[in-house]
Amino acid sequence: MPRRFAPIYLDHNAGAPLRDSVRETMIEVLNDTGNASSVHSHGRRARGRLEAARENVGLLCGAKSRAVTFVSGGTEANMTALTPAWRDQGAPVYLDKLYRSAVEHPSVVTGGRFPAADQVVVPVNSDGIVQVDTLNELVRGMEPGLVSVMAANNETGVVQPLKEIGAVAKENGHFFHVDAVQAAGRMKIDLDDWQADVITLSAHKFGGPQGIGAVVARSTARVPAPLMIGGGQENWHRGGTENVAAISGFGTAAQAALEEASDTSHLADMKAKLEDGLRAVCPSTVIFGETAERLANTSCFAVPGIPAETALIAFDLERVSVSSGSACSSGKVSVSHVLTAMNVDEELARCALRISMGWDTSASDIDRFLEIWPQIVDRLNPDARHKAA
């Protein structure tokens, strides 16, 4: 009988496996009763757990705990931040336009609560990096608006020059939002250094539960208008009874992610091994964003003549899970808007695969991937083994 290998998961950017510590925390909370808004002992215990998680998420972001607002996930977090209506020092402020990069997550590409006519797309270079000079030209002399740029791209892992972008926003009197969903646990998050007014997070990207995220402000005096209103939950920033179990799991995952973000060298070593192995198999391999700073856990590559859709099926049959791009775009036939913005040829873009590692990835997982890949290449396009870059 052929040897049956354990399944391998290399799609952490779509969603990381739940950590054991998070599962234990959530089960404990689920076994309790109590609404965090109630004043009796059960409610106070729930409130204590909620605030402990808020503290941990704040520490992950270098923010004060009271600046953390829990929401249902990254998409709601981005929808909350992307609004023309803000409050600054207690006074209402209406922002004129949204300036967002061409490589943002689909939840930001929609523009949130900004009308389509009030959205301006900022181009990127061939590595997917925002053209800061162009951004400066676009926002200079304009009425106060909102600049929105992700910390690190979900498809390529390319890290944006947030300090420079934040300086441009501040110097020109604009507000600044950073989608840090892919950055959390994989790089240092620093609202002050970035001069970001708010950042957004999603717990399931670093081993927390699905369906819980956060909007984190640098200052509680400068915040976006609520998306969901109702009761006074979340300091009136987000109505609705809090999901204490998911929030507690978020807090536990945030503790682990903060520690992991301090040293990602093991991920970088595995990525280097992966990319060296890819080129050894196919010299024509193209690694997107290769000359830019990238997250240690992410590699997006393509081999001309090997369609991603076919390769994904082949890997799945070998019990290895990888991605062809953003999970939120899976099932679509269209080419990645990220690679299009990077001016990647459409035919090559259709061959793009993404490997994203995380807290449970081991060196043996990468070894197994590199063992399977030559076999898949030989089945799909053996000539690719001999073509130069």
Protein backbone atom coordinates (compact mmCIF):
# COMPACT_ATOMS: atom_id res chain seq x y z
CA MET A 1 0.00 0.00 0.00
CA PRO A 2 1.24 3.53 -0.75
CA ARG A 3 2.24 5.54 2.28
CA ARG A 4 -0.47 7.93 3.48
CA PHE A 5 0.89 11.26 4.70
CA ALA A 6 -0.75 13.50 7.29
CA PRO A 7 -2.52 16.53 5.80
CA ILE A 8 -0.46 19.71 5.56
CA TYR A 9 -1.95 23.18 5.89
CA LEU A 10 -0.08 26.02 4.17
CA ASP A 11 -2.86 28.60 3.90
CA HIS A 12 -2.54 30.62 7.12
CA ASN A 13 -3.27 33.91 5.36
CA ALA A 14 -6.76 32.59 4.67
CA GLY A 15 -7.17 31.48 8.27
CA ALA A 16 -4.88 29.85 10.81
CA PRO A 17 -5.76 26.69 12.76
CA LEU A 18 -7.21 27.36 16.20
CA ARG A 19 -4.56 27.23 18.94
CA ASP A 20 -5.06 24.67 21.69
CA SER A 21 -4.81 27.41 24.33
CA VAL A 22 -7.53 29.40 22.55
CA ARG A 23 -9.83 26.38 22.36
CA GLU A 24 -9.38 25.73 26.10
CA THR A 25 -10.12 29.36 26.93
CA MET A 26 -13.26 29.41 24.82
CA ILE A 27 -14.61 26.15 26.23
CA GLU A 28 -14.16 27.48 29.75
CA VAL A 29 -16.05 30.66 28.89
CA LEU A 30 -18.79 28.79 27.01
CA ASN A 31 -19.43 26.75 30.14
CA ASP A 32 -20.24 29.95 32.02
CA THR A 33 -23.37 32.07 31.99
CA GLY A 34 -23.39 35.84 31.92
CA ASN A 35 -23.92 38.96 29.85
CA ALA A 36 -21.02 41.37 30.17
CA SER A 37 -23.51 44.24 30.57
CA SER A 38 -25.17 42.72 33.63
CA VAL A 39 -24.26 43.96 37.11
CA HIS A 40 -24.61 40.67 38.99
CA SER A 41 -21.68 38.34 39.67
CA HIS A 42 -22.14 36.31 36.46
CA GLY A 43 -22.14 39.51 34.41
CA ARG A 44 -19.13 40.90 36.25
CA ARG A 45 -17.17 37.72 35.56
CA ALA A 46 -18.00 38.01 31.87
CA ARG A 47 -17.00 41.67 31.93
CA GLY A 48 -13.70 40.79 33.54
CA ARG A 49 -12.91 38.31 30.82
CA LEU A 50 -13.84 40.79 28.13
CA GLU A 51 -11.58 43.49 29.60
CA ALA A 52 -8.68 41.05 30.05
CA ALA A 53 -8.92 40.23 26.35
CA ARG A 54 -9.10 43.93 25.50
CA GLU A 55 -5.87 44.45 27.40
CA ASN A 56 -4.11 41.66 25.47
CA VAL A 57 -5.26 42.97 22.09
CA GLY A 58 -4.12 46.45 23.06
CA LEU A 59 -0.67 45.09 23.97
CA LEU A 60 -0.46 43.35 20.58
CA CYS A 61 -0.97 46.72 18.89
CA GLY A 62 0.94 48.99 21.24
CA ALA A 63 -2.35 50.67 22.14
CA LYS A 64 -4.31 51.43 25.28
CA SER A 65 -6.95 48.82 26.05
CA ARG A 66 -9.76 51.40 26.12
CA ALA A 67 -9.00 52.16 22.46
CA VAL A 68 -9.92 48.58 21.41
CA THR A 69 -13.44 47.99 20.02
CA PHE A 70 -14.46 44.39 19.32
CA VAL A 71 -16.42 43.68 16.13
CA SER A 72 -17.43 40.58 14.16
CA GLY A 73 -14.22 40.29 12.08
CA GLY A 74 -11.87 42.05 9.69
CA THR A 75 -14.54 43.05 7.18
CA GLU A 76 -16.74 44.74 9.77
CA ALA A 77 -13.62 46.35 11.25
CA ASN A 78 -12.72 47.83 7.85
CA MET A 79 -16.30 48.91 7.19
CA THR A 80 -16.28 50.69 10.54
CA ALA A 81 -13.02 52.51 9.82
CA LEU A 82 -13.88 53.44 6.22
CA THR A 83 -16.38 56.18 6.89
CA PRO A 84 -16.50 59.89 6.08
CA ALA A 85 -17.98 60.51 9.55
CA TRP A 86 -15.50 60.74 12.43
CA ARG A 87 -15.25 62.42 15.80
CA ASP A 88 -12.13 64.39 16.65
CA GLN A 89 -11.78 65.75 20.19
CA GLY A 90 -15.50 65.27 20.62
CA ALA A 91 -16.46 67.28 17.53
CA PRO A 92 -17.95 65.72 14.39
CA VAL A 93 -15.69 65.74 11.32
CA TYR A 94 -16.70 64.84 7.77
CA LEU A 95 -13.87 63.52 5.58
CA ASP A 96 -13.92 64.47 1.92
CA LYS A 97 -12.39 61.46 0.14
CA LEU A 98 -10.98 57.97 0.63
CA TYR A 99 -7.46 57.43 -0.71
CA ARG A 100 -6.79 53.68 -0.80
CA SER A 101 -4.09 51.66 -2.52
CA ALA A 102 -4.71 49.51 -5.59
CA VAL A 103 -3.77 46.30 -3.74
CA GLU A 104 -6.10 46.45 -0.75
CA HIS A 105 -8.24 43.59 0.53
CA PRO A 106 -11.69 43.38 -1.15
CA SER A 107 -13.34 44.73 2.01
CA VAL A 108 -11.35 47.95 1.53
CA VAL A 109 -11.62 48.00 -2.26
CA THR A 110 -15.39 48.39 -1.82
CA GLY A 111 -14.71 51.73 -0.14
CA GLY A 112 -16.72 51.01 2.98
CA ARG A 113 -19.13 53.86 3.64
CA PHE A 114 -17.52 56.23 1.13
CA PRO A 115 -19.51 56.76 -2.10
CA ALA A 116 -17.75 55.50 -5.22
CA ALA A 117 -17.36 59.08 -6.49
CA ASP A 118 -15.34 59.95 -3.39
CA GLN A 119 -12.77 57.17 -3.72
CA VAL A 120 -9.27 57.69 -5.14
CA VAL A 121 -7.04 54.72 -6.01
CA VAL A 122 -3.32 55.12 -5.28
CA PRO A 123 -1.07 53.10 -7.65
CA VAL A 124 1.70 50.69 -6.65
CA ASN A 125 4.97 49.75 -8.31
CA SER A 126 5.87 46.36 -9.78
CA ASP A 127 6.60 45.00 -6.30
CA GLY A 128 3.19 46.09 -5.03
CA ILE A 129 4.51 48.98 -2.93
CA VAL A 130 2.47 52.16 -2.69
CA GLN A 131 4.01 55.01 -4.63
CA VAL A 132 4.40 57.47 -1.77
CA ASP A 133 5.32 60.42 -4.02
CA THR A 134 2.13 59.88 -6.01
CA LEU A 135 0.09 59.65 -2.81
CA ASN A 136 1.60 62.94 -1.67
CA GLU A 137 0.61 64.58 -4.96
CA LEU A 138 -2.93 63.23 -4.67
CA VAL A 139 -3.58 64.45 -1.13
CA ARG A 140 -1.62 67.71 -1.11
CA GLY A 141 -3.86 70.73 -0.75
CA MET A 142 -7.02 68.65 -0.59
CA GLU A 143 -9.74 68.79 2.07
CA PRO A 144 -9.17 66.35 4.97
CA GLY A 145 -9.76 62.78 3.84
CA LEU A 146 -8.94 59.22 4.89
CA VAL A 147 -5.85 57.40 3.65
CA SER A 148 -6.21 53.60 3.85
CA VAL A 149 -3.24 51.29 3.23
CA MET A 150 -2.76 47.72 4.43
CA ALA A 151 0.28 46.86 6.53
CA ALA A 152 1.09 43.72 4.55
CA ASN A 153 -0.58 42.24 1.51
CA ASN A 154 -2.60 39.07 1.97
CA GLU A 155 -1.55 37.61 -1.40
CA THR A 156 2.12 38.58 -1.76
CA GLY A 157 3.12 39.37 1.83
CA VAL A 158 4.64 42.69 0.68
CA VAL A 159 5.01 45.14 3.58
CA GLN A 160 4.11 48.77 2.95
CA PRO A 161 6.24 51.78 4.05
CA LEU A 162 3.67 52.79 6.67
CA LYS A 163 5.88 55.27 8.48
CA GLU A 164 6.35 57.27 5.26
CA ILE A 165 2.68 57.00 4.34
CA GLY A 166 1.61 58.06 7.82
CA ALA A 167 3.89 61.08 7.61
CA VAL A 168 2.34 62.10 4.28
CA ALA A 169 -1.16 61.78 5.73
CA LYS A 170 -0.32 63.82 8.81
CA GLU A 171 1.59 66.55 6.98
CA ASN A 172 -1.36 67.08 4.67
CA GLY A 173 -4.02 67.01 7.39
CA HIS A 174 -5.55 63.62 6.55
CA PHE A 175 -6.66 60.71 8.72
CA PHE A 176 -4.88 57.33 8.35
CA HIS A 177 -6.27 53.77 8.56
CA VAL A 178 -4.11 50.65 8.40
CA ASP A 179 -5.58 47.22 7.68
CA ALA A 180 -3.25 45.15 9.90
CA VAL A 181 -5.14 41.88 9.53
CA GLN A 182 -2.20 40.04 7.92
CA ALA A 183 0.44 41.83 10.01
CA ALA A 184 -0.70 40.77 13.47
CA GLY A 185 1.61 38.15 14.92
CA ARG A 186 3.95 38.40 11.91
CA MET A 187 5.53 41.82 12.39
CA LYS A 188 5.63 44.59 14.97
CA ILE A 189 2.53 46.77 15.08
CA ASP A 190 3.12 50.33 16.23
CA LEU A 191 0.35 52.90 15.82
CA ASP A 192 2.56 55.75 17.02
CA ASP A 193 5.40 54.95 14.64
CA TRP A 194 2.96 54.59 11.73
CA GLN A 195 0.98 57.69 12.88
CA ALA A 196 -2.13 55.62 12.20
CA ASP A 197 -5.43 56.86 13.60
CA VAL A 198 -6.94 53.36 13.55
CA ILE A 199 -5.89 49.85 12.64
CA THR A 200 -8.08 46.82 12.04
CA LEU A 201 -7.55 43.18 13.06
CA SER A 202 -9.08 39.71 12.65
CA ALA A 203 -8.38 36.99 15.22
CA HIS A 204 -8.53 33.97 12.94
CA LYS A 205 -5.43 35.00 10.99
CA PHE A 206 -3.16 34.16 13.95
CA GLY A 207 -4.85 31.23 15.65
CA GLY A 208 -7.90 32.86 17.22
CA PRO A 209 -11.55 32.06 16.45
CA GLN A 210 -13.33 33.10 13.28
CA GLY A 211 -15.94 35.83 13.49
CA ILE A 212 -14.18 38.23 15.84
CA GLY A 213 -12.03 41.26 15.03
CA ALA A 214 -11.20 44.68 16.36
CA VAL A 215 -10.89 48.35 15.52
CA VAL A 216 -7.99 49.81 17.48
CA ALA A 217 -7.58 53.58 17.75
CA ARG A 218 -4.41 55.49 18.60
CA SER A 219 -6.52 57.93 20.59
CA THR A 220 -10.03 57.53 21.94
CA ALA A 221 -10.55 61.19 21.05
CA ARG A 222 -10.24 60.49 17.31
CA VAL A 223 -12.49 57.64 16.20
CA PRO A 224 -14.78 56.69 13.29
CA ALA A 225 -18.53 56.91 13.71
CA PRO A 226 -20.06 53.55 14.74
CA LEU A 227 -21.26 51.21 12.02
CA MET A 228 -23.64 49.37 14.35
CA ILE A 229 -25.62 51.26 16.95
CA GLY A 230 -27.89 49.95 19.65
CA GLY A 231 -27.00 49.63 23.31
CA GLY A 232 -23.96 51.12 25.00
CA GLN A 233 -21.70 48.12 24.45
CA GLU A 234 -18.06 48.68 23.56
CA ASN A 235 -18.18 52.18 25.04
CA TRP A 236 -20.93 53.09 22.55
CA HIS A 237 -18.65 52.28 19.60
CA ARG A 238 -20.41 49.04 18.57
CA GLY A 239 -23.88 47.98 19.62
CA GLY A 240 -24.81 44.37 20.35
CA THR A 241 -24.15 41.87 23.11
CA GLU A 242 -20.47 40.97 23.12
CA ASN A 243 -19.38 37.47 22.13
CA VAL A 244 -17.40 36.87 25.30
CA ALA A 245 -16.16 33.39 24.33
CA ALA A 246 -14.78 34.56 20.96
CA ILE A 247 -13.35 37.74 22.48
CA SER A 248 -11.63 35.71 25.22
CA GLY A 249 -10.17 33.43 22.55
CA PHE A 250 -9.02 36.52 20.65
CA GLY A 251 -7.23 37.74 23.76
CA THR A 252 -5.46 34.42 24.29
CA ALA A 253 -4.37 34.29 20.64
CA ALA A 254 -3.15 37.89 20.87
CA GLN A 255 -0.84 36.94 23.75
CA ALA A 256 0.74 34.18 21.67
CA ALA A 257 0.92 36.33 18.53
CA LEU A 258 2.72 39.15 20.35
CA GLU A 259 5.42 36.74 21.46
CA GLU A 260 5.74 35.20 17.99
CA ALA A 261 6.01 38.57 16.25
CA SER A 262 9.18 39.32 18.21
CA ASP A 263 11.08 36.59 16.34
CA THR A 264 9.94 35.30 12.96
CA SER A 265 13.35 33.97 11.92
CA HIS A 266 12.14 30.35 11.81
CA LEU A 267 9.44 31.36 9.31
CA ALA A 268 11.97 33.32 7.26
CA ASP A 269 14.27 30.29 7.18
CA MET A 270 11.46 28.05 5.95
CA LYS A 271 10.45 30.59 3.31
CA ALA A 272 14.05 30.81 2.06
CA LYS A 273 14.23 27.02 1.86
CA LEU A 274 10.91 26.92 0.03
CA GLU A 275 11.88 29.53 -2.56
CA ASP A 276 15.32 28.02 -3.13
CA GLY A 277 13.61 24.68 -3.68
CA LEU A 278 11.10 26.15 -6.10
CA ARG A 279 13.87 27.59 -8.26
CA ALA A 280 15.83 24.36 -8.11
CA VAL A 281 12.83 22.55 -9.61
CA CYS A 282 11.90 25.27 -12.11
CA PRO A 283 14.44 28.02 -12.86
CA SER A 284 11.63 29.99 -14.53
CA THR A 285 9.81 30.43 -11.19
CA VAL A 286 8.66 34.01 -10.62
CA ILE A 287 8.35 35.17 -6.99
CA PHE A 288 6.09 38.19 -6.71
CA GLY A 289 7.36 41.11 -4.64
CA GLU A 290 10.70 39.35 -4.24
CA THR A 291 12.81 42.51 -4.03
CA ALA A 292 10.49 44.19 -1.51
CA GLU A 293 10.23 43.64 2.22
CA ARG A 294 7.79 40.76 2.74
CA LEU A 295 6.25 38.94 5.67
CA ALA A 296 8.38 36.00 6.77
CA ASN A 297 5.45 33.61 6.39
CA THR A 298 4.28 34.38 2.82
CA SER A 299 5.49 33.40 -0.64
CA CYS A 300 3.49 34.05 -3.80
CA PHE A 301 5.00 32.50 -6.92
CA ALA A 302 4.19 31.27 -10.40
CA VAL A 303 5.69 28.93 -12.95
CA PRO A 304 4.71 29.91 -16.51
CA GLY A 305 2.54 27.27 -18.12
CA ILE A 306 1.27 25.70 -14.88
CA PRO A 307 -2.21 27.09 -14.12
CA ALA A 308 -2.86 27.68 -10.42
CA GLU A 309 -6.28 26.05 -10.49
CA THR A 310 -4.88 22.78 -11.80
CA ALA A 311 -1.94 22.85 -9.38
CA LEU A 312 -4.29 23.45 -6.44
CA ILE A 313 -6.28 20.34 -7.30
CA ALA A 314 -3.09 18.32 -7.60
CA PHE A 315 -1.87 19.49 -4.20
CA ASP A 316 -5.26 18.81 -2.64
CA LEU A 317 -5.14 15.23 -3.88
CA GLU A 318 -1.81 14.96 -2.03
CA ARG A 319 -3.51 16.37 1.12
CA VAL A 320 -1.61 19.65 0.96
CA SER A 321 -3.64 22.87 1.24
CA VAL A 322 -2.31 25.95 -0.54
CA SER A 323 -3.99 28.94 -2.17
CA SER A 324 -4.06 30.74 -5.47
CA GLY A 325 -4.55 34.10 -3.76
CA SER A 326 -6.97 35.64 -1.32
CA ALA A 327 -9.44 33.16 0.17
CA CYS A 328 -12.10 35.86 -0.08
CA SER A 329 -11.69 35.71 -3.86
CA SER A 330 -11.64 31.93 -4.21
CA GLY A 331 -14.09 30.52 -6.71
CA LYS A 332 -13.68 33.53 -8.99
CA VAL A 333 -12.19 33.07 -12.43
CA SER A 334 -10.91 36.65 -12.63
CA VAL A 335 -7.21 37.41 -12.23
CA SER A 336 -5.99 38.78 -8.90
CA HIS A 337 -6.47 42.56 -8.73
CA VAL A 338 -3.26 42.69 -6.68
CA LEU A 339 -1.13 41.16 -9.43
CA THR A 340 -2.91 43.26 -12.04
CA ALA A 341 -2.02 46.41 -10.08
CA MET A 342 1.58 45.18 -10.05
CA ASN A 343 1.43 45.01 -13.87
CA VAL A 344 1.84 41.22 -13.94
CA ASP A 345 0.98 39.64 -17.28
CA GLU A 346 -2.49 38.07 -17.13
CA GLU A 347 -1.34 34.65 -18.29
CA LEU A 348 1.35 34.53 -15.62
CA ALA A 349 -1.03 35.84 -12.96
CA ARG A 350 -3.33 32.86 -13.62
CA CYS A 351 -0.43 30.63 -12.53
CA ALA A 352 0.07 32.32 -9.14
CA LEU A 353 0.15 30.14 -6.03
CA ARG A 354 0.43 31.36 -2.45
CA ILE A 355 2.11 29.52 0.41
CA SER A 356 1.45 31.03 3.83
CA MET A 357 2.87 29.53 7.01
CA GLY A 358 2.01 30.04 10.65
CA TRP A 359 2.25 28.95 14.24
CA ASP A 360 1.89 25.22 13.51
CA THR A 361 4.04 25.00 10.34
CA SER A 362 7.11 22.77 10.59
CA ALA A 363 10.19 22.31 8.44
CA SER A 364 8.89 18.86 7.51
CA ASP A 365 5.81 20.51 5.98
CA ILE A 366 8.05 22.44 3.61
CA ASP A 367 10.08 19.31 2.88
CA ARG A 368 6.88 17.48 1.94
CA PHE A 369 5.74 20.36 -0.29
CA LEU A 370 9.09 20.34 -2.11
CA GLU A 371 8.85 16.56 -2.50
CA ILE A 372 5.43 16.84 -4.15
CA TRP A 373 6.06 19.89 -6.33
CA PRO A 374 8.43 18.25 -8.89
CA GLN A 375 5.94 15.42 -9.36
CA ILE A 376 3.14 17.92 -10.05
CA VAL A 377 5.32 19.88 -12.46
CA ASP A 378 6.21 16.69 -14.34
CA ARG A 379 2.53 15.85 -14.73
CA LEU A 380 1.34 19.33 -15.70
CA ASN A 381 4.21 20.80 -17.71
CA PRO A 382 7.50 18.86 -17.66
CA ASP A 383 9.12 21.38 -20.02
CA ALA A 384 9.00 23.92 -17.15
CA ARG A 385 11.80 21.97 -15.45
CA HIS A 386 14.23 23.09 -18.14
CA LYS A 387 13.21 26.64 -18.94
CA ALA A 388 15.37 29.46 -17.62
CA ALA A 389 14.01 32.42 -15.71
